[in-house]
Each structure stands twice: as C-alpha cells, then as structure tokens.
C-alpha atoms as a PDB file:
ATOM      1  CA  MET A   1      28.545 -31.038  44.257  1.00  0.00           C
ATOM      2  CA  THR A   2      32.043 -30.739  45.715  1.00  0.00           C
ATOM      3  CA  PRO A   3      32.438 -32.728  48.963  1.00  0.00           C
ATOM      4  CA  PHE A   4      33.036 -30.669  52.084  1.00  0.00           C
ATOM      5  CA  THR A   5      35.499 -32.431  54.371  1.00  0.00           C
ATOM      6  CA  THR A   6      38.026 -29.957  55.771  1.00  0.00           C
ATOM      7  CA  LEU A   7      38.544 -26.308  54.938  1.00  0.00           C
ATOM      8  CA  THR A   8      41.414 -24.064  55.957  1.00  0.00           C
ATOM      9  CA  GLY A   9      41.189 -20.555  54.655  1.00  0.00           C
ATOM     10  CA  ILE A  10      40.881 -16.845  55.151  1.00  0.00           C
ATOM     11  CA  ALA A  11      37.864 -15.792  57.178  1.00  0.00           C
ATOM     12  CA  ALA A  12      36.173 -12.440  56.620  1.00  0.00           C
ATOM     13  CA  PRO A  13      34.618 -10.708  59.648  1.00  0.00           C
ATOM     14  CA  LEU A  14      31.163  -9.243  59.008  1.00  0.00           C
ATOM     15  CA  PRO A  15      30.013  -7.890  62.387  1.00  0.00           C
ATOM     16  CA  MET A  16      26.399  -7.363  61.343  1.00  0.00           C
ATOM     17  CA  ALA A  17      23.139  -8.913  62.512  1.00  0.00           C
ATOM     18  CA  ASN A  18      20.061  -9.464  60.340  1.00  0.00           C
ATOM     19  CA  VAL A  19      21.985  -9.650  57.070  1.00  0.00           C
ATOM     20  CA  ASP A  20      19.056 -10.361  54.779  1.00  0.00           C
ATOM     21  CA  THR A  21      19.067 -12.072  51.420  1.00  0.00           C
ATOM     22  CA  ASP A  22      18.577  -8.745  49.613  1.00  0.00           C
ATOM     23  CA  LYS A  23      21.885  -7.586  51.085  1.00  0.00           C
ATOM     24  CA  ILE A  24      23.516 -10.878  50.087  1.00  0.00           C
ATOM     25  CA  ILE A  25      22.226 -10.522  46.510  1.00  0.00           C
ATOM     26  CA  PRO A  26      19.936  -7.639  45.510  1.00  0.00           C
ATOM     27  CA  ALA A  27      16.692  -8.515  43.738  1.00  0.00           C
ATOM     28  CA  ARG A  28      17.794  -7.013  40.403  1.00  0.00           C
ATOM     29  CA  PHE A  29      20.224  -9.907  39.965  1.00  0.00           C
ATOM     30  CA  LEU A  30      17.552 -12.601  40.221  1.00  0.00           C
ATOM     31  CA  LYS A  31      16.897 -12.801  36.490  1.00  0.00           C
ATOM     32  CA  THR A  32      18.878 -16.007  36.027  1.00  0.00           C
ATOM     33  CA  ILE A  33      18.594 -19.595  37.192  1.00  0.00           C
ATOM     34  CA  GLU A  34      22.295 -20.182  36.525  1.00  0.00           C
ATOM     35  CA  ARG A  35      24.393 -20.663  39.640  1.00  0.00           C
ATOM     36  CA  LYS A  36      27.615 -19.511  38.013  1.00  0.00           C
ATOM     37  CA  GLY A  37      28.512 -15.870  37.628  1.00  0.00           C
ATOM     38  CA  LEU A  38      26.580 -14.597  40.640  1.00  0.00           C
ATOM     39  CA  GLY A  39      29.691 -14.038  42.759  1.00  0.00           C
ATOM     40  CA  LYS A  40      30.091 -10.570  41.268  1.00  0.00           C
ATOM     41  CA  ALA A  41      26.638  -9.704  42.644  1.00  0.00           C
ATOM     42  CA  ALA A  42      27.308 -10.933  46.190  1.00  0.00           C
ATOM     43  CA  PHE A  43      26.764  -7.995  48.573  1.00  0.00           C
ATOM     44  CA  ALA A  44      26.646  -5.755  45.482  1.00  0.00           C
ATOM     45  CA  ASP A  45      25.095  -2.738  47.199  1.00  0.00           C
ATOM     46  CA  MET A  46      27.598  -2.990  50.039  1.00  0.00           C
ATOM     47  CA  ARG A  47      30.584  -3.609  47.757  1.00  0.00           C
ATOM     48  CA  PHE A  48      29.998  -1.107  44.967  1.00  0.00           C
ATOM     49  CA  ASN A  49      29.014   2.510  44.408  1.00  0.00           C
ATOM     50  CA  ASP A  50      26.413   3.455  41.803  1.00  0.00           C
ATOM     51  CA  ASP A  51      29.174   4.017  39.236  1.00  0.00           C
ATOM     52  CA  GLY A  52      30.510   0.476  39.769  1.00  0.00           C
ATOM     53  CA  SER A  53      33.567   1.533  41.758  1.00  0.00           C
ATOM     54  CA  GLU A  54      34.407  -0.384  44.906  1.00  0.00           C
ATOM     55  CA  LYS A  55      33.622   0.807  48.389  1.00  0.00           C
ATOM     56  CA  PRO A  56      37.025   0.366  50.053  1.00  0.00           C
ATOM     57  CA  GLU A  57      35.555   0.173  53.558  1.00  0.00           C
ATOM     58  CA  PHE A  58      33.652  -3.054  52.843  1.00  0.00           C
ATOM     59  CA  VAL A  59      35.550  -6.074  54.094  1.00  0.00           C
ATOM     60  CA  LEU A  60      35.336  -8.176  50.916  1.00  0.00           C
ATOM     61  CA  ASN A  61      36.961  -5.348  48.965  1.00  0.00           C
ATOM     62  CA  GLN A  62      40.020  -5.498  51.204  1.00  0.00           C
ATOM     63  CA  GLU A  63      43.030  -7.776  51.180  1.00  0.00           C
ATOM     64  CA  PRO A  64      43.221 -10.579  52.109  1.00  0.00           C
ATOM     65  CA  TYR A  65      39.435 -10.924  52.423  1.00  0.00           C
ATOM     66  CA  ARG A  66      38.856 -10.811  48.675  1.00  0.00           C
ATOM     67  CA  ARG A  67      39.941 -14.462  48.848  1.00  0.00           C
ATOM     68  CA  ALA A  68      37.832 -15.375  51.881  1.00  0.00           C
ATOM     69  CA  GLU A  69      36.321 -18.850  52.022  1.00  0.00           C
ATOM     70  CA  ILE A  70      34.744 -18.406  55.451  1.00  0.00           C
ATOM     71  CA  LEU A  71      32.389 -15.637  56.524  1.00  0.00           C
ATOM     72  CA  ILE A  72      31.730 -14.818  60.174  1.00  0.00           C
ATOM     73  CA  ALA A  73      28.627 -12.809  61.031  1.00  0.00           C
ATOM     74  CA  HIS A  74      26.162 -12.042  63.799  1.00  0.00           C
ATOM     75  CA  GLU A  75      22.590 -13.182  64.476  1.00  0.00           C
ATOM     76  CA  ASN A  76      19.852 -14.020  61.985  1.00  0.00           C
ATOM     77  CA  PHE A  77      22.068 -14.310  58.920  1.00  0.00           C
ATOM     78  CA  GLY A  78      20.144 -14.886  55.690  1.00  0.00           C
ATOM     79  CA  CYS A  79      16.795 -13.511  56.849  1.00  0.00           C
ATOM     80  CA  GLY A  80      14.303 -11.964  54.434  1.00  0.00           C
ATOM     81  CA  SER A  81      13.048 -13.523  51.222  1.00  0.00           C
ATOM     82  CA  SER A  82      13.646 -17.182  50.427  1.00  0.00           C
ATOM     83  CA  ARG A  83      15.853 -16.692  47.363  1.00  0.00           C
ATOM     84  CA  GLU A  84      18.178 -19.624  46.682  1.00  0.00           C
ATOM     85  CA  HIS A  85      20.348 -17.160  44.757  1.00  0.00           C
ATOM     86  CA  ALA A  86      21.786 -16.039  48.126  1.00  0.00           C
ATOM     87  CA  PRO A  87      23.854 -19.191  48.777  1.00  0.00           C
ATOM     88  CA  TRP A  88      24.558 -19.402  45.018  1.00  0.00           C
ATOM     89  CA  ALA A  89      26.110 -15.918  45.090  1.00  0.00           C
ATOM     90  CA  LEU A  90      28.171 -16.622  48.209  1.00  0.00           C
ATOM     91  CA  ALA A  91      29.413 -19.938  46.834  1.00  0.00           C
ATOM     92  CA  ASP A  92      30.323 -18.413  43.474  1.00  0.00           C
ATOM     93  CA  PHE A  93      32.255 -15.678  45.290  1.00  0.00           C
ATOM     94  CA  GLY A  94      34.211 -18.439  47.042  1.00  0.00           C
ATOM     95  CA  ILE A  95      32.505 -18.691  50.430  1.00  0.00           C
ATOM     96  CA  ARG A  96      32.122 -22.325  51.525  1.00  0.00           C
ATOM     97  CA  CYS A  97      31.260 -21.799  55.189  1.00  0.00           C
ATOM     98  CA  VAL A  98      29.311 -19.179  57.147  1.00  0.00           C
ATOM     99  CA  ILE A  99      29.640 -19.035  60.938  1.00  0.00           C
ATOM    100  CA  ALA A 100      27.013 -17.135  62.928  1.00  0.00           C
ATOM    101  CA  PRO A 101      24.993 -17.466  66.155  1.00  0.00           C
ATOM    102  CA  ASP A 102      21.923 -18.432  64.117  1.00  0.00           C
ATOM    103  CA  PHE A 103      20.454 -18.372  60.624  1.00  0.00           C
ATOM    104  CA  ALA A 104      17.103 -17.833  58.986  1.00  0.00           C
ATOM    105  CA  ASP A 105      15.597 -21.282  58.417  1.00  0.00           C
ATOM    106  CA  ILE A 106      15.223 -21.138  54.630  1.00  0.00           C
ATOM    107  CA  PHE A 107      18.729 -19.788  54.073  1.00  0.00           C
ATOM    108  CA  HIS A 108      20.059 -22.439  56.457  1.00  0.00           C
ATOM    109  CA  ASN A 109      18.355 -25.211  54.476  1.00  0.00           C
ATOM    110  CA  ASN A 110      19.367 -23.779  51.092  1.00  0.00           C
ATOM    111  CA  SER A 111      23.003 -23.596  52.181  1.00  0.00           C
ATOM    112  CA  PHE A 112      23.180 -27.338  52.809  1.00  0.00           C
ATOM    113  CA  LYS A 113      21.462 -28.033  49.495  1.00  0.00           C
ATOM    114  CA  ASN A 114      24.177 -26.074  47.697  1.00  0.00           C
ATOM    115  CA  GLY A 115      27.251 -27.507  49.398  1.00  0.00           C
ATOM    116  CA  MET A 116      27.826 -24.650  51.815  1.00  0.00           C
ATOM    117  CA  LEU A 117      28.241 -25.288  55.531  1.00  0.00           C
ATOM    118  CA  PRO A 118      26.401 -22.982  57.975  1.00  0.00           C
ATOM    119  CA  ILE A 119      27.767 -23.349  61.510  1.00  0.00           C
ATOM    120  CA  LYS A 120      25.925 -22.065  64.572  1.00  0.00           C
ATOM    121  CA  LEU A 121      28.164 -20.908  67.409  1.00  0.00           C
ATOM    122  CA  PRO A 122      27.479 -18.618  70.378  1.00  0.00           C
ATOM    123  CA  ARG A 123      27.870 -14.875  69.814  1.00  0.00           C
ATOM    124  CA  GLU A 124      30.914 -14.640  72.065  1.00  0.00           C
ATOM    125  CA  ILE A 125      32.659 -17.375  70.069  1.00  0.00           C
ATOM    126  CA  CYS A 126      31.808 -15.648  66.787  1.00  0.00           C
ATOM    127  CA  ASP A 127      33.324 -12.443  68.178  1.00  0.00           C
ATOM    128  CA  GLN A 128      36.512 -14.316  69.092  1.00  0.00           C
ATOM    129  CA  LEU A 129      36.699 -15.751  65.571  1.00  0.00           C
ATOM    130  CA  MET A 130      36.194 -12.278  64.133  1.00  0.00           C
ATOM    131  CA  ASP A 131      39.126 -11.045  66.195  1.00  0.00           C
ATOM    132  CA  ASP A 132      41.175 -13.934  64.796  1.00  0.00           C
ATOM    133  CA  ALA A 133      40.069 -13.076  61.269  1.00  0.00           C
ATOM    134  CA  ARG A 134      41.082  -9.433  61.652  1.00  0.00           C
ATOM    135  CA  MET A 135      44.713 -10.563  61.980  1.00  0.00           C
ATOM    136  CA  GLY A 136      44.710 -11.076  58.205  1.00  0.00           C
ATOM    137  CA  ALA A 137      46.192 -13.594  55.808  1.00  0.00           C
ATOM    138  CA  ASN A 138      48.513 -15.221  58.329  1.00  0.00           C
ATOM    139  CA  SER A 139      45.588 -16.052  60.592  1.00  0.00           C
ATOM    140  CA  ARG A 140      43.719 -18.897  58.954  1.00  0.00           C
ATOM    141  CA  ILE A 141      40.751 -20.679  60.455  1.00  0.00           C
ATOM    142  CA  SER A 142      40.080 -24.367  59.837  1.00  0.00           C
ATOM    143  CA  VAL A 143      36.790 -26.239  59.702  1.00  0.00           C
ATOM    144  CA  ASP A 144      36.837 -30.015  60.070  1.00  0.00           C
ATOM    145  CA  LEU A 145      33.382 -31.333  59.255  1.00  0.00           C
ATOM    146  CA  GLY A 146      34.303 -34.955  59.944  1.00  0.00           C
ATOM    147  CA  ARG A 147      35.301 -34.137  63.511  1.00  0.00           C
ATOM    148  CA  GLN A 148      32.831 -31.238  63.753  1.00  0.00           C
ATOM    149  CA  VAL A 149      35.305 -28.691  65.064  1.00  0.00           C
ATOM    150  CA  VAL A 150      36.389 -25.175  64.133  1.00  0.00           C
ATOM    151  CA  ILE A 151      40.094 -24.703  64.786  1.00  0.00           C
ATOM    152  CA  ARG A 152      41.327 -21.247  65.733  1.00  0.00           C
ATOM    153  CA  PRO A 153      44.792 -20.038  64.661  1.00  0.00           C
ATOM    154  CA  ASN A 154      46.051 -20.693  68.214  1.00  0.00           C
ATOM    155  CA  GLY A 155      45.031 -24.357  67.889  1.00  0.00           C
ATOM    156  CA  GLU A 156      41.947 -24.171  70.111  1.00  0.00           C
ATOM    157  CA  GLU A 157      39.214 -26.483  68.854  1.00  0.00           C
ATOM    158  CA  ILE A 158      35.609 -25.323  69.066  1.00  0.00           C
ATOM    159  CA  PRO A 159      33.004 -28.077  68.655  1.00  0.00           C
ATOM    160  CA  PHE A 160      29.825 -27.648  66.653  1.00  0.00           C
ATOM    161  CA  ARG A 161      26.956 -29.945  65.791  1.00  0.00           C
ATOM    162  CA  ILE A 162      25.347 -30.634  62.427  1.00  0.00           C
ATOM    163  CA  ASP A 163      22.376 -32.870  61.671  1.00  0.00           C
ATOM    164  CA  PRO A 164      23.936 -36.301  60.918  1.00  0.00           C
ATOM    165  CA  LEU A 165      22.171 -36.711  57.568  1.00  0.00           C
ATOM    166  CA  ARG A 166      23.185 -33.258  56.369  1.00  0.00           C
ATOM    167  CA  ARG A 167      26.724 -33.854  57.574  1.00  0.00           C
ATOM    168  CA  GLU A 168      26.918 -37.122  55.627  1.00  0.00           C
ATOM    169  CA  ARG A 169      25.584 -35.512  52.470  1.00  0.00           C
ATOM    170  CA  LEU A 170      28.125 -32.684  52.639  1.00  0.00           C
ATOM    171  CA  LEU A 171      30.991 -35.089  53.290  1.00  0.00           C
ATOM    172  CA  LYS A 172      29.979 -37.088  50.197  1.00  0.00           C
ATOM    173  CA  GLY A 173      29.136 -34.054  48.063  1.00  0.00           C
ATOM    174  CA  LEU A 174      25.524 -35.104  47.542  1.00  0.00           C
ATOM    175  CA  ASP A 175      22.653 -32.784  46.716  1.00  0.00           C
ATOM    176  CA  ASP A 176      19.023 -33.968  46.461  1.00  0.00           C
ATOM    177  CA  ILE A 177      19.561 -35.383  42.979  1.00  0.00           C
ATOM    178  CA  GLY A 178      22.836 -37.034  43.916  1.00  0.00           C
ATOM    179  CA  GLU A 179      21.261 -38.714  46.904  1.00  0.00           C
ATOM    180  CA  THR A 180      18.406 -39.974  44.733  1.00  0.00           C
ATOM    181  CA  MET A 181      20.837 -41.354  42.150  1.00  0.00           C
ATOM    182  CA  GLN A 182      22.500 -43.447  44.840  1.00  0.00           C
ATOM    183  CA  ARG A 183      19.270 -45.431  44.792  1.00  0.00           C
ATOM    184  CA  ALA A 184      19.248 -45.806  41.004  1.00  0.00           C
ATOM    185  CA  PRO A 185      19.365 -49.661  41.062  1.00  0.00           C
ATOM    186  CA  VAL A 186      16.328 -49.786  43.370  1.00  0.00           C
ATOM    187  CA  ILE A 187      14.451 -47.280  41.193  1.00  0.00           C
ATOM    188  CA  GLN A 188      15.336 -49.183  38.034  1.00  0.00           C
ATOM    189  CA  GLY A 189      14.202 -52.468  39.578  1.00  0.00           C
ATOM    190  CA  PHE A 190      10.851 -50.952  40.529  1.00  0.00           C
ATOM    191  CA  GLU A 191      10.351 -49.562  37.030  1.00  0.00           C
ATOM    192  CA  GLU A 192      11.132 -52.930  35.439  1.00  0.00           C
ATOM    193  CA  ARG A 193       8.638 -54.720  37.696  1.00  0.00           C
ATOM    194  CA  GLN A 194       6.001 -52.076  37.082  1.00  0.00           C
ATOM    195  CA  ARG A 195       6.586 -52.173  33.324  1.00  0.00           C
ATOM    196  CA  ALA A 196       6.017 -55.949  33.351  1.00  0.00           C
ATOM    197  CA  ALA A 197       2.910 -55.743  35.522  1.00  0.00           C
ATOM    198  CA  GLN A 198       1.380 -52.591  34.042  1.00  0.00           C
ATOM    199  CA  PRO A 199       2.781 -52.136  30.535  1.00  0.00           C
ATOM    200  CA  TRP A 200       0.026 -49.652  29.584  1.00  0.00           C
ATOM    201  CA  LEU A 201       1.659 -47.062  31.856  1.00  0.00           C
ATOM    202  CA  TYR A 202       4.689 -47.058  29.528  1.00  0.00           C
ATOM    203  CA  ALA A 203       2.818 -47.080  26.214  1.00  0.00           C
END
C-alpha cells in the first residue's frame, strides 16, 4: 500500500449528502475482486448516460476535476451497503482523500484499510473547502497527515484528528497484511517452538 504522508492536489466539490455506495459504484460492477480497473465505474450512473456518453454537468467529467485527488462532500458519505468496492473504485479513479462532515462506519473503516484518508470536518468548513475547490486548477488543497492539518489555498490550516493507530498505518503504507508481516520474526519464532514441542501438528 502506498504511504500517505502529504497530498497537494485538485479537490472536486460534491455538495451532496447521503452519497451511498451504490452511487459510488453501482452493484452491476461488483463481479470482480480485483481492485484495479474499477475507476471507470466510479459514480458510473452519475457520470454516464445509458449510451456511455458523459454527463457534462457531473463534476468529475469537468476540467480540472477529472484529475481530482481529493473529494469534498456533505454528511453521511458512503452509506448503504458495505461493499469494499466503493473505496477501491475511488482509489482507482485517483481519489486519495475524502473530506466530509461524517461517514458511514463501514465505508470509513474500509477507506483506511485501502490507503484512503477520510477526514471529518464540520459542514461549514466543508462548504468553505468546496468554495476553494470551485476556483479550479490554480486552487489546490493540501493534506498533511503527519501534522493533521488541511491547508486551504490562502494558507489557512484546518486541524483534524485521526485515530493514532490508523494514522501510523497510513503514514507507513500498511494494510492488515503489512502490519502482520512486521511481526514476521515473532510469528516464525512461535512456529519453530511449536514445531519442536508438537511436531504432529506439522506432519
């Protein structure tokens, strides 16, 4: 998993509440367990017409937001079903950070597990960041996970708080498997002792 330390990029404003996981990636795209290639399905029903043509009014079909790495939304982002494909699709599209007043619990947890940073900020702050984002490509927003601040284009720093363990894992680029493998010497030592004491378990 790619470490998340600092991110400076284009932010896309999505002034919607209750964006559920079926909006993020419709159920018809859940036929794969591969994380790659799902970016084209992110917000598919909002991005595309039935004939596959783009809906020009949707923000991610507009410049410069096609290259957005940050998404700013309203309350209850990621509600609905517990599909892990939702953060997979966002990440494959290029989104590394979502800022919203709050998130559905399962989406929130899945985001951390997949190297994406969900940041909770008050609604009024999210609206200010959306106004910043609407200024386009010359108005970039920065996220400094080490210092736990979002930096507006005018230089104002907005603090946020992340669970210390989750923060550490993101900074190091560790998922569940990566964290386990950090303890590989301890695991190997246990297995060697167990093999000597109970060899029939390894027969």
